[in-house]
Amino acid sequence: MTQQQPRDIPVTPAPVRGAANRRGPFRSGERVQLTDESGKMTTITLVDGGEHHTHRGVLGHDLLVGRPEGTVVTNTSGIQYQALRPLLKDFVLSMPRGAAVVYPKDAGQIVAMADIFPGARVVEAGVGSGALTISLLRAVGDEGHVRSFERREEFAEIARGNIETMFGGPHPAWHLSMGDLAEELGENEEPGSVDRVVLDMLAPWECLDAVATAIAPGGVVICYVATVPQLSRVAEAMRADGRFTEPEASETMVRGWHVEGLAVRPDHRMVAHTGFLIQSRRLADGSPRLAPKRRASKSEYTEEDLQAWTPVALGERVVSDKKLRRAGRDATSLAQHAARADREISEGRAESDRHPVVTASDDATESASSSPDTSSTQDTQGASAAQPTVAGERLDEERHV
């Protein structure tokens, strides 16, 4: 008697946050990047019946809704546009902002140099507009933990809107705490429970004591600072603390190249200095810091030196309240559109789950009996006429990269 082998029952994994709204045809509420024949890029938010107006004609949003990514469409003046979902680097440079963002070249270095791994517990100080937070959430995944500290409610509102726009809703791994990290970290994280700490703030040396308590031995702390005086002071503070390894400092510059036939040369412009990265690791309690011996140099700071690290002296620009309110409204509006697109995805998934699974034999029998023609569906969606937008609303906010 032959023993029947058990069948493997496929298990559908839980959807990854943000994955569903990065696949499939364009949907209403999504952000779409349009590139014309000259290479100029514009980011719009798709709205049913909406229109994108320029001095070179009108492009109806309905020409894109339901079409696959990479579609080329033509506006009323015959201008062609290539439509793609914006990449992370495009989204960061076009999203509403209150504070200056961490550029993609630096965010990539932070994720790699700090070794942000899936499931890691990460603490971030200075959420800003949410650019670096998005990269951290992508790295830790849905099962990870990212706690961001922000002192200004206006910045937190903008960051929340941008993050929910990118992921289609609140990310399960993100936790936002209002207040100063130096004062609040111990109340939110257990001692020795944090894997990585990222400090993007004016005076990271003020938080080193709290960080050394919360971070686990071997954990990485990485600071993003804009000026040489900041870099010098945080390095000396790490050495003086005694609980960190010898700090390592670096900066990243990116230069593009023009490649056309035999005309191959560096671009005339490049993304040069944006900030310095300095990183170190937590030593085990009681272990001494090992560092190469160097000739003595000035490392003591006078009162005059300390005055050089004030926000005004370091060139920190003051963001007006009007700009913050506008950026907050923009970020919230985009998050609402993204949430609507995410709900459409969820409803579509729930509808498909209610239908029974069709086997290959049943499918063959059904296709033999009847084979309806659905080839015109895509053309019908793509040929929808452009309709006017609702008066008083401008829902296709342009963002030029």
Protein backbone atom coordinates (compact mmCIF):
# COMPACT_ATOMS: atom_id res chain seq x y z
CA MET A 1 0.00 0.00 0.00
CA THR A 2 1.48 3.28 -1.11
CA GLN A 3 1.52 5.94 1.56
CA GLN A 4 0.12 9.24 0.36
CA GLN A 5 2.58 12.09 0.65
CA PRO A 6 1.31 15.20 2.43
CA ARG A 7 0.68 18.18 0.20
CA ASP A 8 2.55 21.40 0.76
CA ILE A 9 0.04 24.14 1.40
CA PRO A 10 1.39 27.46 0.12
CA VAL A 11 1.41 30.17 2.75
CA THR A 12 0.81 33.70 1.53
CA PRO A 13 3.22 36.03 3.33
CA ALA A 14 1.94 39.21 4.89
CA PRO A 15 2.15 42.15 2.47
CA VAL A 16 5.24 44.27 2.94
CA ARG A 17 4.45 47.89 3.72
CA GLY A 18 4.89 49.98 0.61
CA ALA A 19 5.45 47.04 -1.74
CA ALA A 20 1.93 46.86 -3.16
CA ASN A 21 1.82 50.51 -4.15
CA ARG A 22 5.12 50.16 -6.00
CA ARG A 23 3.73 47.56 -8.41
CA GLY A 24 0.94 47.24 -10.95
CA PRO A 25 -0.79 49.92 -13.02
CA PHE A 26 -1.03 53.55 -11.98
CA ARG A 27 -3.86 54.31 -9.53
CA SER A 28 -5.61 57.48 -8.46
CA GLY A 29 -3.80 59.08 -5.52
CA GLU A 30 -0.34 57.92 -6.59
CA ARG A 31 2.66 60.12 -7.25
CA VAL A 32 3.89 59.90 -10.85
CA GLN A 33 7.05 61.38 -12.33
CA LEU A 34 6.66 62.82 -15.83
CA THR A 35 9.73 63.33 -18.03
CA ASP A 36 9.40 65.25 -21.30
CA GLU A 37 11.57 64.96 -24.40
CA SER A 38 14.08 67.50 -23.06
CA GLY A 39 14.61 65.53 -19.85
CA LYS A 40 12.70 67.93 -17.59
CA MET A 41 11.01 66.03 -14.74
CA THR A 42 7.78 66.96 -12.99
CA THR A 43 6.04 65.01 -10.22
CA ILE A 44 2.23 65.05 -10.02
CA THR A 45 -0.43 63.35 -7.91
CA LEU A 46 -2.99 61.45 -10.00
CA VAL A 47 -6.63 62.41 -9.45
CA ASP A 48 -9.67 61.01 -11.26
CA GLY A 49 -10.61 63.59 -13.87
CA GLY A 50 -7.62 65.77 -13.01
CA GLU A 51 -5.37 67.65 -15.44
CA HIS A 52 -1.74 68.70 -15.53
CA HIS A 53 -1.42 72.17 -17.06
CA THR A 54 1.74 73.70 -18.52
CA HIS A 55 2.43 76.43 -21.07
CA ARG A 56 2.94 73.57 -23.56
CA GLY A 57 -0.52 72.03 -23.24
CA VAL A 58 -2.73 69.95 -20.96
CA LEU A 59 -2.30 66.32 -19.94
CA GLY A 60 -5.33 64.50 -18.52
CA HIS A 61 -4.69 62.28 -15.52
CA ASP A 62 -7.13 59.70 -16.90
CA LEU A 63 -4.60 58.96 -19.65
CA LEU A 64 -2.37 57.49 -16.93
CA VAL A 65 -4.78 55.88 -14.45
CA GLY A 66 -4.89 52.14 -15.18
CA ARG A 67 -1.87 52.22 -17.49
CA PRO A 68 1.38 50.32 -16.74
CA GLU A 69 4.49 52.03 -15.45
CA GLY A 70 6.78 53.24 -18.23
CA THR A 71 3.89 54.39 -20.43
CA VAL A 72 4.47 57.28 -22.85
CA VAL A 73 1.48 59.62 -23.20
CA THR A 74 0.83 62.73 -25.32
CA ASN A 75 -0.79 65.97 -24.17
CA THR A 76 -3.11 68.24 -26.12
CA SER A 77 -0.19 69.99 -27.88
CA GLY A 78 1.52 66.79 -28.99
CA ILE A 79 4.20 66.86 -26.27
CA GLN A 80 5.15 63.37 -25.13
CA TYR A 81 5.77 62.41 -21.51
CA GLN A 82 7.33 59.28 -20.07
CA ALA A 83 5.52 58.25 -16.86
CA LEU A 84 7.24 56.35 -14.05
CA ARG A 85 6.84 56.07 -10.32
CA PRO A 86 9.45 58.28 -8.62
CA LEU A 87 12.39 56.45 -7.09
CA LEU A 88 13.35 57.14 -3.49
CA LYS A 89 15.99 59.66 -4.59
CA ASP A 90 13.40 61.47 -6.73
CA PHE A 91 10.78 61.45 -4.00
CA VAL A 92 13.18 62.88 -1.41
CA LEU A 93 14.12 65.81 -3.65
CA SER A 94 10.52 66.63 -4.61
CA MET A 95 8.61 66.04 -1.36
CA PRO A 96 7.39 68.90 0.88
CA ARG A 97 10.07 69.95 3.33
CA GLY A 98 10.49 72.17 6.32
CA ALA A 99 14.02 71.30 7.38
CA ALA A 100 16.86 70.48 5.00
CA VAL A 101 16.81 66.85 3.92
CA VAL A 102 19.59 64.27 4.11
CA TYR A 103 20.59 63.73 0.48
CA PRO A 104 20.28 60.21 -0.97
CA LYS A 105 24.06 59.87 -1.27
CA ASP A 106 24.43 60.44 2.48
CA ALA A 107 21.39 58.35 3.45
CA GLY A 108 22.81 55.41 1.49
CA GLN A 109 26.15 55.76 3.26
CA ILE A 110 24.45 55.92 6.66
CA VAL A 111 22.48 52.73 6.03
CA ALA A 112 25.61 50.91 4.84
CA MET A 113 28.20 52.28 7.27
CA ALA A 114 25.94 51.91 10.31
CA ASP A 115 24.98 48.41 9.14
CA ILE A 116 21.21 48.96 9.46
CA PHE A 117 19.88 45.40 9.14
CA PRO A 118 16.33 43.94 8.89
CA GLY A 119 14.73 43.78 12.32
CA ALA A 120 17.20 46.21 13.93
CA ARG A 121 16.24 48.58 16.74
CA VAL A 122 17.29 52.04 15.57
CA VAL A 123 17.06 55.40 17.32
CA GLU A 124 17.13 58.60 15.27
CA ALA A 125 17.41 62.16 16.56
CA GLY A 126 16.25 64.98 14.31
CA VAL A 127 13.51 63.64 12.02
CA GLY A 128 13.48 66.83 9.91
CA SER A 129 11.36 66.23 6.81
CA GLY A 130 11.54 62.43 7.05
CA ALA A 131 14.02 61.70 4.23
CA LEU A 132 16.49 59.71 6.33
CA THR A 133 13.67 58.08 8.30
CA ILE A 134 12.27 56.59 5.08
CA SER A 135 15.65 54.99 4.29
CA LEU A 136 15.92 53.62 7.84
CA LEU A 137 12.40 52.14 7.71
CA ARG A 138 13.15 50.47 4.40
CA ALA A 139 16.30 48.94 5.88
CA VAL A 140 14.77 47.57 9.12
CA GLY A 141 11.58 46.33 7.42
CA ASP A 142 8.16 45.78 8.95
CA GLU A 143 9.59 43.72 11.83
CA GLY A 144 12.17 46.33 12.83
CA HIS A 145 11.92 49.32 15.14
CA VAL A 146 12.78 52.95 14.38
CA ARG A 147 12.20 55.54 17.09
CA SER A 148 12.58 59.13 15.93
CA PHE A 149 12.95 62.08 18.30
CA GLU A 150 11.92 65.54 17.16
CA ARG A 151 11.61 68.73 19.20
CA ARG A 152 9.48 70.74 16.73
CA GLU A 153 5.88 69.74 16.07
CA GLU A 154 5.89 71.46 12.66
CA PHE A 155 8.75 69.27 11.42
CA ALA A 156 7.11 66.15 12.85
CA GLU A 157 3.88 66.88 10.94
CA ILE A 158 5.73 67.28 7.65
CA ALA A 159 7.78 64.12 8.24
CA ARG A 160 4.68 62.10 9.13
CA GLY A 161 2.95 63.15 5.91
CA ASN A 162 5.98 62.34 3.75
CA ILE A 163 6.48 58.93 5.35
CA GLU A 164 2.82 57.97 4.95
CA THR A 165 2.93 59.14 1.33
CA MET A 166 5.93 56.92 0.58
CA PHE A 167 4.53 53.80 2.30
CA GLY A 168 0.83 54.32 1.58
CA GLY A 169 -0.01 54.75 5.27
CA PRO A 170 1.57 54.58 8.75
CA HIS A 171 4.60 52.29 8.90
CA PRO A 172 4.33 49.60 11.61
CA ALA A 173 8.00 49.97 12.59
CA TRP A 174 8.00 53.75 13.10
CA HIS A 175 7.56 55.38 16.50
CA LEU A 176 7.73 59.18 16.83
CA SER A 177 8.58 60.79 20.17
CA MET A 178 8.37 64.53 20.74
CA GLY A 179 11.15 66.00 22.86
CA ASP A 180 14.90 66.04 23.31
CA LEU A 181 16.69 62.71 22.87
CA ALA A 182 19.09 63.47 25.72
CA GLU A 183 16.14 63.73 28.11
CA GLU A 184 13.61 61.28 26.64
CA LEU A 185 15.71 58.34 25.38
CA GLY A 186 15.96 56.63 28.78
CA GLU A 187 12.19 56.77 29.23
CA ASN A 188 11.46 55.14 25.87
CA GLU A 189 14.25 52.57 25.41
CA GLU A 190 15.72 50.10 27.90
CA PRO A 191 19.46 50.30 28.67
CA GLY A 192 21.48 48.21 26.22
CA SER A 193 18.47 47.51 23.97
CA VAL A 194 19.29 49.70 20.95
CA ASP A 195 21.33 48.37 18.02
CA ARG A 196 22.02 51.58 16.09
CA VAL A 197 21.79 55.31 16.75
CA VAL A 198 21.73 58.01 14.05
CA LEU A 199 22.17 61.62 15.17
CA ASP A 200 21.27 64.31 12.63
CA MET A 201 21.28 67.38 14.83
CA LEU A 202 23.15 70.56 15.62
CA ALA A 203 24.94 69.36 18.79
CA PRO A 204 25.17 65.54 18.81
CA TRP A 205 27.85 65.61 21.55
CA GLU A 206 25.12 66.61 24.03
CA CYS A 207 23.42 63.22 23.52
CA LEU A 208 26.44 60.89 23.78
CA ASP A 209 25.90 60.04 27.45
CA ALA A 210 22.26 59.01 26.87
CA VAL A 211 23.27 57.11 23.72
CA ALA A 212 26.04 55.20 25.52
CA THR A 213 23.49 54.03 28.10
CA ALA A 214 20.82 52.90 25.64
CA ILE A 215 22.99 51.28 22.96
CA ALA A 216 24.15 47.67 23.24
CA PRO A 217 27.87 46.76 23.30
CA GLY A 218 29.08 46.64 19.70
CA GLY A 219 26.28 48.94 18.57
CA VAL A 220 27.00 51.69 16.07
CA VAL A 221 26.44 55.41 16.57
CA ILE A 222 26.77 57.61 13.49
CA CYS A 223 26.46 61.41 13.39
CA TYR A 224 25.66 63.64 10.43
CA VAL A 225 27.08 67.15 10.82
CA ALA A 226 27.47 70.00 8.36
CA THR A 227 30.58 71.90 9.44
CA VAL A 228 34.21 71.28 10.40
CA PRO A 229 33.84 72.72 13.94
CA GLN A 230 30.94 70.33 14.61
CA LEU A 231 32.95 67.40 13.27
CA SER A 232 35.90 68.29 15.51
CA ARG A 233 33.85 68.68 18.64
CA VAL A 234 31.85 65.46 18.29
CA ALA A 235 35.05 63.48 17.62
CA GLU A 236 36.72 64.86 20.75
CA ALA A 237 33.55 64.24 22.78
CA MET A 238 33.52 60.58 21.72
CA ARG A 239 37.15 60.20 22.74
CA ALA A 240 36.60 61.94 26.06
CA ASP A 241 33.56 59.79 26.89
CA GLY A 242 35.69 56.63 26.89
CA ARG A 243 32.86 54.22 26.05
CA PHE A 244 33.29 54.38 22.27
CA THR A 245 35.87 53.14 19.82
CA GLU A 246 38.14 55.54 17.93
CA PRO A 247 35.79 57.60 15.71
CA GLU A 248 36.03 57.51 11.90
CA ALA A 249 35.05 60.52 9.78
CA SER A 250 34.28 60.81 6.07
CA GLU A 251 32.31 62.72 3.45
CA THR A 252 30.78 61.58 0.17
CA MET A 253 30.86 63.40 -3.16
CA VAL A 254 29.03 62.24 -6.27
CA ARG A 255 30.02 63.33 -9.77
CA GLY A 256 28.02 62.26 -12.79
CA TRP A 257 29.46 61.58 -16.25
CA HIS A 258 28.31 62.63 -19.70
CA VAL A 259 28.35 59.56 -21.95
CA GLU A 260 27.37 60.05 -25.59
CA GLY A 261 29.27 58.14 -28.25
CA LEU A 262 32.94 59.07 -27.98
CA ALA A 263 32.12 62.21 -25.98
CA VAL A 264 32.75 60.77 -22.53
CA ARG A 265 33.67 63.27 -19.82
CA PRO A 266 32.76 64.30 -16.26
CA ASP A 267 29.69 66.48 -15.84
CA HIS A 268 30.33 70.16 -15.23
CA ARG A 269 28.21 70.04 -12.06
CA MET A 270 28.27 67.61 -9.16
CA VAL A 271 26.77 67.01 -5.72
CA ALA A 272 29.78 67.89 -3.61
CA HIS A 273 29.83 68.64 0.11
CA THR A 274 26.55 68.25 1.96
CA GLY A 275 27.78 67.01 5.34
CA PHE A 276 30.26 64.90 7.26
CA LEU A 277 29.64 61.43 8.68
CA ILE A 278 31.42 60.34 11.86
CA GLN A 279 30.84 56.93 13.38
CA SER A 280 31.96 54.88 16.35
CA ARG A 281 30.96 51.71 18.21
CA ARG A 282 30.03 51.06 21.82
CA LEU A 283 32.67 49.29 23.91
CA ALA A 284 31.84 46.74 26.58
CA ASP A 285 31.58 48.23 30.06
CA GLY A 286 35.02 48.50 31.65
CA SER A 287 36.95 48.04 28.39
CA PRO A 288 39.53 50.71 27.50
CA ARG A 289 39.51 52.52 24.18
CA LEU A 290 42.39 51.47 21.95
CA ALA A 291 43.66 54.19 19.65
CA PRO A 292 46.89 54.88 17.75
CA LYS A 293 49.32 57.22 19.47
CA ARG A 294 49.56 60.65 17.93
CA ARG A 295 51.52 63.77 18.64
CA ALA A 296 49.83 66.08 21.10
CA SER A 297 47.60 68.74 19.58
CA LYS A 298 45.15 71.30 20.87
CA SER A 299 41.98 69.54 22.03
CA GLU A 300 40.81 71.82 24.84
CA TYR A 301 38.02 74.26 24.03
CA THR A 302 37.88 77.83 25.25
CA GLU A 303 34.72 79.88 25.73
CA GLU A 304 35.46 81.57 22.40
CA ASP A 305 35.54 78.16 20.70
CA LEU A 306 32.19 77.19 22.21
CA GLN A 307 30.58 80.36 20.86
CA ALA A 308 31.55 79.22 17.36
CA TRP A 309 29.04 76.34 17.63
CA THR A 310 25.89 78.40 18.03
CA PRO A 311 23.14 77.86 15.43
CA VAL A 312 23.70 81.31 13.91
CA ALA A 313 27.47 80.93 13.73
CA LEU A 314 27.12 77.52 12.06
CA GLY A 315 24.89 78.99 9.37
CA GLU A 316 21.64 77.29 10.34
CA ARG A 317 18.88 78.98 8.37
CA VAL A 318 15.66 79.95 10.11
CA VAL A 319 12.60 78.45 8.40
CA SER A 320 9.61 80.79 8.40
CA ASP A 321 6.35 79.71 10.04
CA LYS A 322 4.51 80.36 6.77
CA LYS A 323 6.73 77.92 4.89
CA LEU A 324 6.33 75.29 7.60
CA ARG A 325 2.53 75.58 7.53
CA ARG A 326 2.47 75.28 3.74
CA ALA A 327 4.81 72.26 3.74
CA GLY A 328 2.72 70.63 6.46
CA ARG A 329 -0.49 71.06 4.44
CA ASP A 330 1.19 69.70 1.32
CA ALA A 331 2.59 66.65 3.13
CA THR A 332 -0.77 65.87 4.76
CA SER A 333 -2.61 66.19 1.44
CA LEU A 334 -0.18 63.85 -0.32
CA ALA A 335 -0.46 61.32 2.53
CA GLN A 336 -4.27 61.31 2.18
CA HIS A 337 -4.02 60.62 -1.57
CA ALA A 338 -1.52 57.81 -0.95
CA ALA A 339 -3.78 56.30 1.72
CA ARG A 340 -6.69 56.26 -0.74
CA ALA A 341 -4.56 54.43 -3.32
CA ASP A 342 -3.47 51.96 -0.63
CA ARG A 343 -7.10 51.28 0.31
CA GLU A 344 -7.90 50.51 -3.32
CA ILE A 345 -5.11 47.94 -3.31
CA SER A 346 -6.40 46.37 -0.08
CA GLU A 347 -9.97 46.22 -1.38
CA GLY A 348 -8.76 44.59 -4.58
CA ARG A 349 -6.79 42.01 -2.59
CA ALA A 350 -9.80 41.25 -0.38
CA GLU A 351 -12.03 40.82 -3.45
CA SER A 352 -9.60 38.33 -4.99
CA ASP A 353 -9.44 36.32 -1.73
CA ARG A 354 -13.22 35.78 -1.82
CA HIS A 355 -12.98 33.93 -5.14
CA PRO A 356 -12.02 30.21 -5.06
CA VAL A 357 -8.66 29.14 -6.46
CA VAL A 358 -9.05 27.76 -9.99
CA THR A 359 -6.95 24.69 -10.80
CA ALA A 360 -5.16 24.23 -14.08
CA SER A 361 -7.65 21.60 -15.28
CA ASP A 362 -10.65 23.75 -14.42
CA ASP A 363 -9.04 26.71 -16.11
CA ALA A 364 -8.44 24.70 -19.29
CA THR A 365 -12.06 23.47 -19.32
CA GLU A 366 -13.41 26.95 -18.82
CA SER A 367 -11.21 28.51 -21.49
CA ALA A 368 -12.27 25.82 -23.97
CA SER A 369 -15.95 26.56 -23.42
CA SER A 370 -15.76 30.32 -23.53
CA SER A 371 -12.97 32.85 -24.17
CA PRO A 372 -14.25 36.42 -23.89
CA ASP A 373 -12.25 39.14 -25.63
CA THR A 374 -10.76 41.60 -23.12
CA SER A 375 -8.10 43.11 -25.32
CA SER A 376 -9.91 46.44 -25.53
CA THR A 377 -9.96 47.07 -21.77
CA GLN A 378 -6.53 48.68 -21.62
CA ASP A 379 -7.19 50.83 -24.67
CA THR A 380 -10.49 52.04 -23.21
CA GLN A 381 -8.78 53.12 -19.99
CA GLY A 382 -5.91 54.78 -21.81
CA ALA A 383 -8.17 56.70 -24.22
CA SER A 384 -10.36 58.31 -21.56
CA ALA A 385 -10.90 61.97 -22.34
CA ALA A 386 -9.33 64.52 -20.00
CA GLN A 387 -11.89 66.20 -17.72
CA PRO A 388 -11.52 69.59 -16.01
CA THR A 389 -10.39 69.72 -12.40
CA VAL A 390 -12.71 70.88 -9.65
CA ALA A 391 -12.72 74.68 -9.39
CA GLY A 392 -10.63 76.04 -6.56
CA GLU A 393 -8.57 72.88 -6.13
CA ARG A 394 -5.08 72.29 -7.39
CA LEU A 395 -4.38 68.65 -6.73
CA ASP A 396 -1.54 67.95 -9.13
CA GLU A 397 1.15 69.83 -7.15
CA GLU A 398 4.18 70.16 -9.32
CA ARG A 399 7.54 69.31 -7.89
CA HIS A 400 10.56 70.03 -10.12
CA VAL A 401 13.65 67.96 -9.42
